[in-house]
Amino acid sequence: MGPCRVEDPAAFGRVAVLMGGTSAEREVSLDSGRNVLEALRARSVDAFAVDGIPALIDAIRAGSVDRVFNILHGNKGGGEDGVLQGLCEALGVPYTGSRVLGSALSMDKIRTKQVWLSMGLPTPRYVRLAQGDDVHAAARELGLPVIVKPSSEGSSVGVSRVFSDADLDAAVELAARYPGELLMEQMIVGDELTVGILGSDGAHHALPSIRIVPKGEWYDYNAKYIAEDTQYLCPGLQGSDEDEIRRIALAAFEAAGCFGWGRVDVMRDRNSGKFHLLEVNTAPGMTSHSLVPKAARQVGIPFEEVCWRVLESSLAQGGAVA
């Protein structure tokens, strides 16, 4: 990847680091936001914290925001569902990351899958669950074991692995606590991998994959954000397998209309070796456990520079501040 395009931090003007919000991922977002704020200030960017979208509107009206570094996570008060992006577009304020379409589409796992399948990209078989649907019939159609999750949440929120018919109702009850449709998905048994995407030189590049090895049976919320014994192997694969997962992840990211930076989660089937795309995160975590910074370090890009490059993506909408 080429060098940064901007050298003068004054080119960014006043940067609102948007964090927190009211989604189910608020605490993770606050942690990410504090790290981003510290990194930008360390490189002399005039950055300040803003908690949630209503506070951002007040700051924009007060004339104190030249651009937004969006590190809100999730939907419904988070910043990954297109609502924030539409607001910024309407008010003419540049912002980081994916635009309205990419944000809204990738927040909806079901519709993301529909796009991927239309383009021949691999993703686990699934059933969309509307209210009142027979979940047991859906599980028979897919074949146990299955994953049950909200279609529009991230960070493993509301996700259950279901191995027996007796556990289905509890899994659906958990997922239904969150807004939106439910998704039942064929469970792929094998390696859990993720690929960070970072924009540079007007193009997107796939970072080295990371293979996630949790101490427990799977990579749940605790393994992501709390446990200290989860292993992260980077690069996660070697040779042609590594080339292929990066190719698929980049294709999936761009097929969903995403922009700037993100992270694509992938499973590799233990028996067949085939890759299966799970989802795109358009505002990935930037905590001490987060994976995009880990992958970037592998190719010599430190955390502060990752934040700088993400901020640069906002310049595609509006030039440097005079």
Protein backbone atom coordinates (compact mmCIF):
# COMPACT_ATOMS: atom_id res chain seq x y z
CA MET A 1 0.00 0.00 0.00
CA GLY A 2 1.22 3.46 -0.89
CA PRO A 3 1.95 6.32 1.47
CA CYS A 4 -0.67 8.60 2.99
CA ARG A 5 -1.89 11.34 0.67
CA VAL A 6 -2.20 14.04 3.35
CA GLU A 7 0.68 15.16 5.53
CA ASP A 8 -0.70 18.30 7.22
CA PRO A 9 -3.19 17.52 10.03
CA ALA A 10 -4.71 20.99 9.55
CA ALA A 11 -6.11 19.70 6.23
CA PHE A 12 -8.78 17.83 8.18
CA GLY A 13 -10.04 20.84 10.16
CA ARG A 14 -12.12 20.13 13.27
CA VAL A 15 -12.80 16.40 13.48
CA ALA A 16 -15.71 15.04 15.52
CA VAL A 17 -14.88 11.48 16.65
CA LEU A 18 -18.39 10.08 16.87
CA MET A 19 -18.70 7.28 19.45
CA GLY A 20 -21.08 5.74 21.98
CA GLY A 21 -24.62 6.19 20.74
CA THR A 22 -27.59 4.10 21.82
CA SER A 23 -27.13 0.78 19.99
CA ALA A 24 -26.46 -2.57 21.66
CA GLU A 25 -22.75 -1.96 20.93
CA ARG A 26 -22.43 1.32 22.85
CA GLU A 27 -19.70 0.24 25.28
CA VAL A 28 -17.49 -1.22 22.56
CA SER A 29 -17.93 1.98 20.54
CA LEU A 30 -16.88 4.14 23.48
CA ASP A 31 -13.73 2.05 23.90
CA SER A 32 -12.97 2.28 20.16
CA GLY A 33 -13.64 6.00 20.15
CA ARG A 34 -11.27 6.75 23.00
CA ASN A 35 -8.48 4.93 21.15
CA VAL A 36 -9.16 6.73 17.87
CA LEU A 37 -9.31 10.11 19.59
CA GLU A 38 -5.97 9.52 21.30
CA ALA A 39 -4.36 8.36 18.03
CA LEU A 40 -5.57 11.37 16.02
CA ARG A 41 -4.51 13.84 18.70
CA ALA A 42 -1.09 12.16 18.85
CA ARG A 43 -0.70 13.17 15.20
CA SER A 44 -1.86 16.74 15.92
CA VAL A 45 -5.35 16.38 14.42
CA ASP A 46 -7.83 18.84 15.97
CA ALA A 47 -10.16 16.05 17.16
CA PHE A 48 -12.82 15.99 19.85
CA ALA A 49 -15.27 13.39 21.18
CA VAL A 50 -18.99 13.42 20.43
CA ASP A 51 -21.33 10.89 22.05
CA GLY A 52 -24.18 9.92 19.75
CA ILE A 53 -26.02 11.40 16.77
CA PRO A 54 -28.13 14.08 18.58
CA ALA A 55 -24.95 15.56 20.10
CA LEU A 56 -23.34 15.53 16.66
CA ILE A 57 -26.27 17.49 15.21
CA ASP A 58 -25.81 20.11 17.94
CA ALA A 59 -22.08 20.35 17.20
CA ILE A 60 -22.70 20.72 13.46
CA ARG A 61 -25.29 23.44 14.06
CA ALA A 62 -22.79 25.22 16.29
CA GLY A 63 -20.35 25.26 13.36
CA SER A 64 -17.66 23.28 15.17
CA VAL A 65 -17.46 20.23 12.87
CA ASP A 66 -15.55 20.10 9.58
CA ARG A 67 -15.69 16.31 9.24
CA VAL A 68 -16.74 13.21 11.18
CA PHE A 69 -14.68 10.16 12.11
CA ASN A 70 -17.46 7.64 12.60
CA ILE A 71 -16.67 4.94 15.13
CA LEU A 72 -20.27 4.29 16.20
CA HIS A 73 -21.08 0.58 16.00
CA GLY A 74 -24.38 -1.09 15.19
CA ASN A 75 -27.79 0.20 14.11
CA LYS A 76 -30.73 2.01 15.76
CA GLY A 77 -28.57 4.71 17.34
CA GLY A 78 -25.34 3.28 16.02
CA GLY A 79 -23.63 4.62 12.94
CA GLU A 80 -23.50 1.64 10.60
CA ASP A 81 -27.03 1.52 9.17
CA GLY A 82 -26.98 4.46 6.73
CA VAL A 83 -28.96 6.89 8.91
CA LEU A 84 -25.90 8.82 10.11
CA GLN A 85 -24.46 8.77 6.61
CA GLY A 86 -27.66 10.26 5.16
CA LEU A 87 -27.63 12.96 7.82
CA CYS A 88 -24.04 13.93 7.03
CA GLU A 89 -24.77 13.93 3.30
CA ALA A 90 -27.81 16.17 3.79
CA LEU A 91 -25.82 18.62 5.92
CA GLY A 92 -22.78 18.56 3.63
CA VAL A 93 -20.39 17.24 6.30
CA PRO A 94 -17.69 14.77 5.10
CA TYR A 95 -17.39 11.55 7.08
CA THR A 96 -15.30 8.39 7.18
CA GLY A 97 -16.18 4.98 5.87
CA SER A 98 -18.98 3.59 3.74
CA ARG A 99 -21.65 5.83 2.28
CA VAL A 100 -25.42 5.50 2.65
CA LEU A 101 -25.94 2.46 0.42
CA GLY A 102 -22.98 0.39 1.62
CA SER A 103 -23.76 1.12 5.26
CA ALA A 104 -27.47 0.30 5.03
CA LEU A 105 -27.02 -2.81 2.90
CA SER A 106 -24.22 -4.41 4.91
CA MET A 107 -26.06 -3.79 8.19
CA ASP A 108 -28.74 -6.14 6.85
CA LYS A 109 -27.18 -9.60 6.69
CA ILE A 110 -30.05 -11.11 4.70
CA ARG A 111 -29.93 -8.56 1.89
CA THR A 112 -26.15 -8.63 1.84
CA LYS A 113 -26.36 -12.37 1.24
CA GLN A 114 -28.83 -11.82 -1.59
CA VAL A 115 -26.36 -9.48 -3.32
CA TRP A 116 -23.44 -11.87 -2.80
CA LEU A 117 -25.39 -14.85 -4.12
CA SER A 118 -26.45 -12.87 -7.20
CA MET A 119 -22.76 -12.33 -7.93
CA GLY A 120 -21.69 -15.91 -7.33
CA LEU A 121 -19.93 -15.20 -4.03
CA PRO A 122 -20.08 -18.01 -1.43
CA THR A 123 -22.16 -17.62 1.74
CA PRO A 124 -23.88 -20.19 4.02
CA ARG A 125 -27.40 -21.29 3.11
CA TYR A 126 -30.03 -19.42 5.13
CA VAL A 127 -33.70 -18.88 5.88
CA ARG A 128 -35.24 -15.50 6.65
CA LEU A 129 -37.50 -15.76 9.68
CA ALA A 130 -40.53 -13.49 9.77
CA GLN A 131 -42.68 -13.19 12.90
CA GLY A 132 -44.81 -16.30 13.30
CA ASP A 133 -42.74 -18.51 10.99
CA ASP A 134 -42.23 -22.16 11.94
CA VAL A 135 -38.61 -22.13 13.12
CA HIS A 136 -38.56 -25.90 13.50
CA ALA A 137 -39.53 -26.37 9.85
CA ALA A 138 -36.83 -23.87 8.86
CA ALA A 139 -34.23 -25.82 10.82
CA ARG A 140 -35.33 -29.07 9.11
CA GLU A 141 -34.95 -27.35 5.74
CA LEU A 142 -31.37 -26.24 6.48
CA GLY A 143 -30.39 -29.21 8.62
CA LEU A 144 -29.01 -28.89 12.14
CA PRO A 145 -26.75 -27.47 13.43
CA VAL A 146 -27.73 -23.88 12.62
CA ILE A 147 -26.96 -20.34 13.73
CA VAL A 148 -29.83 -18.07 14.79
CA LYS A 149 -29.17 -14.32 14.94
CA PRO A 150 -30.72 -10.91 14.39
CA SER A 151 -30.27 -9.81 10.78
CA SER A 152 -29.13 -6.32 11.76
CA GLU A 153 -26.87 -6.56 14.80
CA GLY A 154 -23.10 -6.94 15.10
CA SER A 155 -20.50 -8.01 17.67
CA SER A 156 -22.13 -11.44 18.12
CA VAL A 157 -25.11 -9.75 19.81
CA GLY A 158 -28.12 -12.08 20.11
CA VAL A 159 -26.38 -14.98 18.33
CA SER A 160 -26.93 -18.64 19.25
CA ARG A 161 -25.53 -21.91 17.95
CA VAL A 162 -28.27 -24.54 17.88
CA PHE A 163 -27.47 -28.24 17.79
CA SER A 164 -30.86 -29.72 18.75
CA ASP A 165 -34.48 -28.97 17.97
CA ALA A 166 -35.17 -28.50 21.70
CA ASP A 167 -32.93 -25.41 21.82
CA LEU A 168 -34.47 -23.58 18.86
CA ASP A 169 -37.19 -21.66 20.69
CA ALA A 170 -34.75 -20.19 23.23
CA ALA A 171 -32.40 -19.11 20.43
CA VAL A 172 -35.23 -17.37 18.57
CA GLU A 173 -36.41 -15.70 21.79
CA LEU A 174 -32.91 -14.28 22.37
CA ALA A 175 -32.50 -13.00 18.80
CA ALA A 176 -36.00 -11.48 18.81
CA ARG A 177 -35.02 -9.10 21.62
CA TYR A 178 -33.31 -7.00 18.95
CA PRO A 179 -34.99 -4.97 16.18
CA GLY A 180 -35.45 -6.25 12.65
CA GLU A 181 -35.77 -9.63 11.01
CA LEU A 182 -34.18 -12.87 12.17
CA LEU A 183 -31.77 -15.01 10.21
CA MET A 184 -31.29 -18.75 10.49
CA GLU A 185 -28.10 -19.88 8.83
CA GLN A 186 -26.38 -23.17 8.10
CA MET A 187 -23.61 -23.56 10.67
CA ILE A 188 -20.19 -23.92 9.06
CA VAL A 189 -17.82 -25.92 11.25
CA GLY A 190 -14.21 -24.94 10.74
CA ASP A 191 -11.84 -21.99 10.92
CA GLU A 192 -13.13 -18.54 11.84
CA LEU A 193 -11.32 -15.87 9.84
CA THR A 194 -11.57 -12.17 9.18
CA VAL A 195 -10.05 -9.87 6.58
CA GLY A 196 -9.60 -6.14 7.10
CA ILE A 197 -10.04 -3.79 4.15
CA LEU A 198 -8.22 -0.46 4.04
CA GLY A 199 -8.41 2.20 1.34
CA SER A 200 -5.24 3.72 -0.04
CA ASP A 201 -4.25 5.47 -3.29
CA GLY A 202 -7.87 5.58 -4.41
CA ALA A 203 -8.26 1.78 -4.19
CA HIS A 204 -9.16 -0.79 -1.56
CA HIS A 205 -6.65 -3.36 -0.33
CA ALA A 206 -7.21 -6.54 1.66
CA LEU A 207 -4.99 -6.81 4.74
CA PRO A 208 -3.59 -10.18 5.83
CA SER A 209 -6.27 -12.53 7.13
CA ILE A 210 -6.58 -13.31 10.82
CA ARG A 211 -7.53 -16.77 12.05
CA ILE A 212 -9.35 -16.61 15.37
CA VAL A 213 -8.79 -19.41 17.87
CA PRO A 214 -11.00 -18.91 20.95
CA LYS A 215 -10.30 -20.94 24.06
CA GLY A 216 -13.98 -21.83 24.22
CA GLU A 217 -16.00 -23.49 21.49
CA TRP A 218 -16.66 -20.37 19.45
CA TYR A 219 -15.93 -16.66 19.03
CA ASP A 220 -18.76 -15.11 21.05
CA TYR A 221 -19.04 -11.64 22.64
CA ASN A 222 -16.93 -12.67 25.63
CA ALA A 223 -14.13 -14.03 23.42
CA LYS A 224 -14.20 -10.86 21.30
CA TYR A 225 -14.12 -8.19 23.96
CA ILE A 226 -13.40 -9.61 27.41
CA ALA A 227 -11.35 -12.81 27.36
CA GLU A 228 -7.57 -12.50 27.24
CA ASP A 229 -6.95 -16.07 26.04
CA THR A 230 -8.30 -15.83 22.48
CA GLN A 231 -5.51 -16.42 19.93
CA TYR A 232 -5.23 -14.37 16.73
CA LEU A 233 -3.00 -15.86 14.05
CA CYS A 234 -1.94 -13.42 11.32
CA PRO A 235 -1.73 -14.19 8.51
CA GLY A 236 -4.38 -16.78 9.18
CA LEU A 237 -3.61 -18.83 6.07
CA GLN A 238 -0.73 -19.45 3.71
CA GLY A 239 -0.08 -19.51 -0.03
CA SER A 240 -3.02 -19.82 -2.41
CA ASP A 241 -5.54 -20.08 0.45
CA GLU A 242 -4.43 -16.68 1.75
CA ASP A 243 -4.61 -15.19 -1.74
CA GLU A 244 -8.10 -16.60 -2.24
CA ILE A 245 -9.58 -15.39 1.06
CA ARG A 246 -8.27 -11.87 0.42
CA ARG A 247 -9.73 -11.92 -3.10
CA ILE A 248 -13.14 -13.08 -1.90
CA ALA A 249 -13.21 -10.60 1.00
CA LEU A 250 -12.35 -7.66 -1.24
CA ALA A 251 -14.96 -8.73 -3.79
CA ALA A 252 -17.57 -9.08 -1.03
CA PHE A 253 -16.74 -5.63 0.38
CA GLU A 254 -17.05 -3.91 -2.98
CA ALA A 255 -20.15 -5.92 -4.02
CA ALA A 256 -21.95 -4.56 -0.95
CA GLY A 257 -21.12 -1.00 -2.04
CA CYS A 258 -18.76 -0.43 0.89
CA PHE A 259 -16.05 2.22 0.93
CA GLY A 260 -12.98 3.40 2.80
CA TRP A 261 -12.39 0.66 5.31
CA GLY A 262 -14.09 -2.31 6.91
CA ARG A 263 -13.79 -5.94 7.89
CA VAL A 264 -15.19 -9.06 6.24
CA ASP A 265 -15.88 -12.14 8.38
CA VAL A 266 -15.41 -15.55 6.74
CA MET A 267 -15.69 -19.22 7.72
CA ARG A 268 -13.65 -22.00 6.12
CA ASP A 269 -15.34 -25.40 6.13
CA ARG A 270 -13.18 -27.92 7.98
CA ASN A 271 -14.03 -30.75 5.58
CA SER A 272 -14.22 -29.11 2.15
CA GLY A 273 -11.82 -26.20 2.72
CA LYS A 274 -14.33 -23.87 1.04
CA PHE A 275 -14.79 -20.27 2.20
CA HIS A 276 -18.18 -18.88 3.26
CA LEU A 277 -18.80 -15.14 3.66
CA LEU A 278 -20.69 -14.14 6.82
CA GLU A 279 -20.90 -10.34 6.97
CA VAL A 280 -19.21 -6.98 6.42
CA ASN A 281 -18.51 -4.57 9.27
CA THR A 282 -18.35 -0.98 7.99
CA ALA A 283 -17.12 0.59 11.26
CA PRO A 284 -14.99 -2.17 12.81
CA GLY A 285 -13.87 -2.09 16.41
CA MET A 286 -10.71 -0.21 17.34
CA THR A 287 -10.29 -1.64 20.85
CA SER A 288 -7.26 -3.47 22.28
CA HIS A 289 -8.85 -6.72 21.04
CA SER A 290 -9.77 -5.44 17.57
CA LEU A 291 -8.63 -7.12 14.40
CA VAL A 292 -8.15 -4.45 11.72
CA PRO A 293 -5.29 -2.83 13.73
CA LYS A 294 -3.73 -6.28 14.32
CA ALA A 295 -3.73 -7.06 10.59
CA ALA A 296 -2.41 -3.61 9.68
CA ARG A 297 0.52 -4.02 12.08
CA GLN A 298 1.44 -7.19 10.22
CA VAL A 299 2.18 -5.11 7.10
CA GLY A 300 3.90 -2.31 8.98
CA ILE A 301 0.98 0.10 9.48
CA PRO A 302 0.78 1.24 13.14
CA PHE A 303 -2.50 2.10 14.85
CA GLU A 304 -2.09 5.87 14.50
CA GLU A 305 -1.57 5.54 10.76
CA VAL A 306 -4.62 3.29 10.38
CA CYS A 307 -6.71 6.04 11.99
CA TRP A 308 -5.08 8.65 9.74
CA ARG A 309 -5.82 6.64 6.58
CA VAL A 310 -9.42 6.09 7.62
CA LEU A 311 -9.75 9.83 8.19
CA GLU A 312 -8.31 10.42 4.73
CA SER A 313 -11.25 8.53 3.24
CA SER A 314 -13.47 11.46 4.24
CA LEU A 315 -11.54 13.69 1.83
CA ALA A 316 -13.16 11.88 -1.11
CA GLN A 317 -16.35 13.81 -0.30
CA GLY A 318 -14.85 17.20 0.33
CA GLY A 319 -11.38 18.62 0.00
CA ALA A 320 -9.06 19.98 2.62
CA VAL A 321 -10.34 22.71 4.86
CA ALA A 322 -9.16 26.12 3.73
